[in-house]
Each structure stands twice: as C-alpha cells, then as structure tokens.
Amino acid sequence: MIEILVILFDNTNEAVAYSFSDNNGDFAFKNIALGSYHVYADYFGIVCKNLNVTLTESNKNVSNVRIIVNRDGINVSDRKSD
C-alpha cells in the first residue's frame, strides 16, 4: 500500500495535525485535545470521504479507523461500520 497523507481538522475546519499511513494503512495522531474532528486522507487530489470522530473524557482514543483507496477515491471509515 502507498503512504497516504492523513489530516486532522477541528470543528472550524482548521488543520491541527498531520500524519502518514504506513504500508498497512495504520496512522496515529498524538497529543490531541478533546473535541470533535474530521479525519481526511489526501493523495494527489483523489476525492476523499472523511470520517468524523469525537474525543471525550470517556473516549480519549479512536483506534478503529481505516483508509481504503480504490478507483472511486479514498474512503476513511470506522471499522465498526463495515
């Protein structure tokens, strides 16, 4: 798999963190404040469907996100919704 740029946007659509996926599609953001975010993957302008995530006191980690790249674009999704 190719490395994909993954961008984390806050609720005002400001980019607050960047990461790259590894060969397995795994990526991480560290030291992110509690709140609502949009996870967006970008690869040479391919259309991306983003995923909304919320970090709270009781849910400080989100570890069930995956990135799928195919001819229709990039989809960032919650593994539980598959």
C-alpha atoms as a PDB file:
ATOM      1  CA  MET A   1       0.000   0.000   0.000  1.00  0.00           C
ATOM      2  CA  ILE A   2       1.117   3.551  -0.653  1.00  0.00           C
ATOM      3  CA  GLU A   3       1.678   6.132   2.058  1.00  0.00           C
ATOM      4  CA  ILE A   4      -1.329   8.427   2.367  1.00  0.00           C
ATOM      5  CA  LEU A   5      -1.272  11.881   3.930  1.00  0.00           C
ATOM      6  CA  VAL A   6      -3.838  11.953   6.757  1.00  0.00           C
ATOM      7  CA  ILE A   7      -5.004  15.339   8.045  1.00  0.00           C
ATOM      8  CA  LEU A   8      -6.949  16.021  11.217  1.00  0.00           C
ATOM      9  CA  PHE A   9      -9.266  19.048  11.053  1.00  0.00           C
ATOM     10  CA  ASP A  10     -11.018  20.604  14.046  1.00  0.00           C
ATOM     11  CA  ASN A  11     -14.670  21.724  14.058  1.00  0.00           C
ATOM     12  CA  THR A  12     -13.694  25.046  12.425  1.00  0.00           C
ATOM     13  CA  ASN A  13     -12.043  23.129   9.558  1.00  0.00           C
ATOM     14  CA  GLU A  14      -8.555  24.174  10.636  1.00  0.00           C
ATOM     15  CA  ALA A  15      -5.873  21.514  10.182  1.00  0.00           C
ATOM     16  CA  VAL A  16      -4.494  20.644  13.619  1.00  0.00           C
ATOM     17  CA  ALA A  17      -2.344  17.574  12.870  1.00  0.00           C
ATOM     18  CA  TYR A  18      -0.787  15.638  10.012  1.00  0.00           C
ATOM     19  CA  SER A  19       0.377  12.049   9.703  1.00  0.00           C
ATOM     20  CA  PHE A  20       1.212   9.496   7.017  1.00  0.00           C
ATOM     21  CA  SER A  21      -0.190   5.999   6.843  1.00  0.00           C
ATOM     22  CA  ASP A  22       2.283   3.137   6.822  1.00  0.00           C
ATOM     23  CA  ASN A  23       2.268   0.154   4.452  1.00  0.00           C
ATOM     24  CA  ASN A  24      -0.595  -1.392   6.451  1.00  0.00           C
ATOM     25  CA  GLY A  25      -2.688   1.776   6.354  1.00  0.00           C
ATOM     26  CA  ASP A  26      -2.044   2.498  10.041  1.00  0.00           C
ATOM     27  CA  PHE A  27      -1.503   6.061  11.234  1.00  0.00           C
ATOM     28  CA  ALA A  28      -1.559   7.978  14.506  1.00  0.00           C
ATOM     29  CA  PHE A  29      -2.050  11.458  15.885  1.00  0.00           C
ATOM     30  CA  LYS A  30      -0.591  12.191  19.319  1.00  0.00           C
ATOM     31  CA  ASN A  31      -1.375  14.797  21.978  1.00  0.00           C
ATOM     32  CA  ILE A  32      -4.757  15.768  20.512  1.00  0.00           C
ATOM     33  CA  ALA A  33      -7.122  17.791  22.719  1.00  0.00           C
ATOM     34  CA  LEU A  34     -10.597  16.502  23.485  1.00  0.00           C
ATOM     35  CA  GLY A  35     -13.167  17.614  20.916  1.00  0.00           C
ATOM     36  CA  SER A  36     -14.693  16.855  17.529  1.00  0.00           C
ATOM     37  CA  TYR A  37     -12.564  16.312  14.443  1.00  0.00           C
ATOM     38  CA  HIS A  38     -12.671  15.284  10.789  1.00  0.00           C
ATOM     39  CA  VAL A  39     -10.137  12.698   9.615  1.00  0.00           C
ATOM     40  CA  TYR A  40      -9.270  13.335   5.972  1.00  0.00           C
ATOM     41  CA  ALA A  41      -6.909  11.402   3.719  1.00  0.00           C
ATOM     42  CA  ASP A  42      -5.283  13.053   0.715  1.00  0.00           C
ATOM     43  CA  TYR A  43      -3.381  11.558  -2.185  1.00  0.00           C
ATOM     44  CA  PHE A  44      -2.689  13.644  -5.282  1.00  0.00           C
ATOM     45  CA  GLY A  45      -6.133  15.219  -5.315  1.00  0.00           C
ATOM     46  CA  ILE A  46      -8.132  11.959  -5.254  1.00  0.00           C
ATOM     47  CA  VAL A  47     -11.639  12.513  -3.851  1.00  0.00           C
ATOM     48  CA  CYS A  48     -11.875  11.565  -0.174  1.00  0.00           C
ATOM     49  CA  LYS A  49     -14.799  10.749   2.079  1.00  0.00           C
ATOM     50  CA  ASN A  50     -13.815  11.873   5.575  1.00  0.00           C
ATOM     51  CA  LEU A  51     -14.752  10.487   8.972  1.00  0.00           C
ATOM     52  CA  ASN A  52     -15.983  12.489  11.955  1.00  0.00           C
ATOM     53  CA  VAL A  53     -14.574  11.469  15.337  1.00  0.00           C
ATOM     54  CA  THR A  54     -15.054  12.863  18.836  1.00  0.00           C
ATOM     55  CA  LEU A  55     -12.606  12.562  21.722  1.00  0.00           C
ATOM     56  CA  THR A  56     -14.131  12.815  25.197  1.00  0.00           C
ATOM     57  CA  GLU A  57     -13.045  12.103  28.772  1.00  0.00           C
ATOM     58  CA  SER A  58     -14.541   8.610  28.458  1.00  0.00           C
ATOM     59  CA  ASN A  59     -13.311   8.081  24.879  1.00  0.00           C
ATOM     60  CA  LYS A  60      -9.787   9.508  24.579  1.00  0.00           C
ATOM     61  CA  ASN A  61      -8.635   7.141  21.815  1.00  0.00           C
ATOM     62  CA  VAL A  62     -10.040   6.207  18.441  1.00  0.00           C
ATOM     63  CA  SER A  63      -8.368   3.111  17.061  1.00  0.00           C
ATOM     64  CA  ASN A  64     -10.903   1.686  14.645  1.00  0.00           C
ATOM     65  CA  VAL A  65     -10.294   3.891  11.601  1.00  0.00           C
ATOM     66  CA  ARG A  66      -9.172   2.552   8.254  1.00  0.00           C
ATOM     67  CA  ILE A  67      -8.289   4.059   4.895  1.00  0.00           C
ATOM     68  CA  ILE A  68      -9.412   2.373   1.681  1.00  0.00           C
ATOM     69  CA  VAL A  69      -8.024   3.528  -1.657  1.00  0.00           C
ATOM     70  CA  ASN A  70      -9.667   2.351  -4.868  1.00  0.00           C
ATOM     71  CA  ARG A  71     -10.536   3.706  -8.297  1.00  0.00           C
ATOM     72  CA  ASP A  72     -13.535   5.571  -6.834  1.00  0.00           C
ATOM     73  CA  GLY A  73     -11.359   7.555  -4.417  1.00  0.00           C
ATOM     74  CA  ILE A  74     -10.274   7.358  -0.795  1.00  0.00           C
ATOM     75  CA  ASN A  75     -12.664   6.372   1.981  1.00  0.00           C
ATOM     76  CA  VAL A  76     -11.855   6.961   5.635  1.00  0.00           C
ATOM     77  CA  SER A  77     -14.239   4.850   7.679  1.00  0.00           C
ATOM     78  CA  ASP A  78     -14.983   3.406  11.080  1.00  0.00           C
ATOM     79  CA  ARG A  79     -14.176  -0.333  11.018  1.00  0.00           C
ATOM     80  CA  LYS A  80     -17.334  -0.973  13.046  1.00  0.00           C
ATOM     81  CA  SER A  81     -19.497   0.358  10.203  1.00  0.00           C
ATOM     82  CA  ASP A  82     -18.233  -2.257   7.695  1.00  0.00           C
END
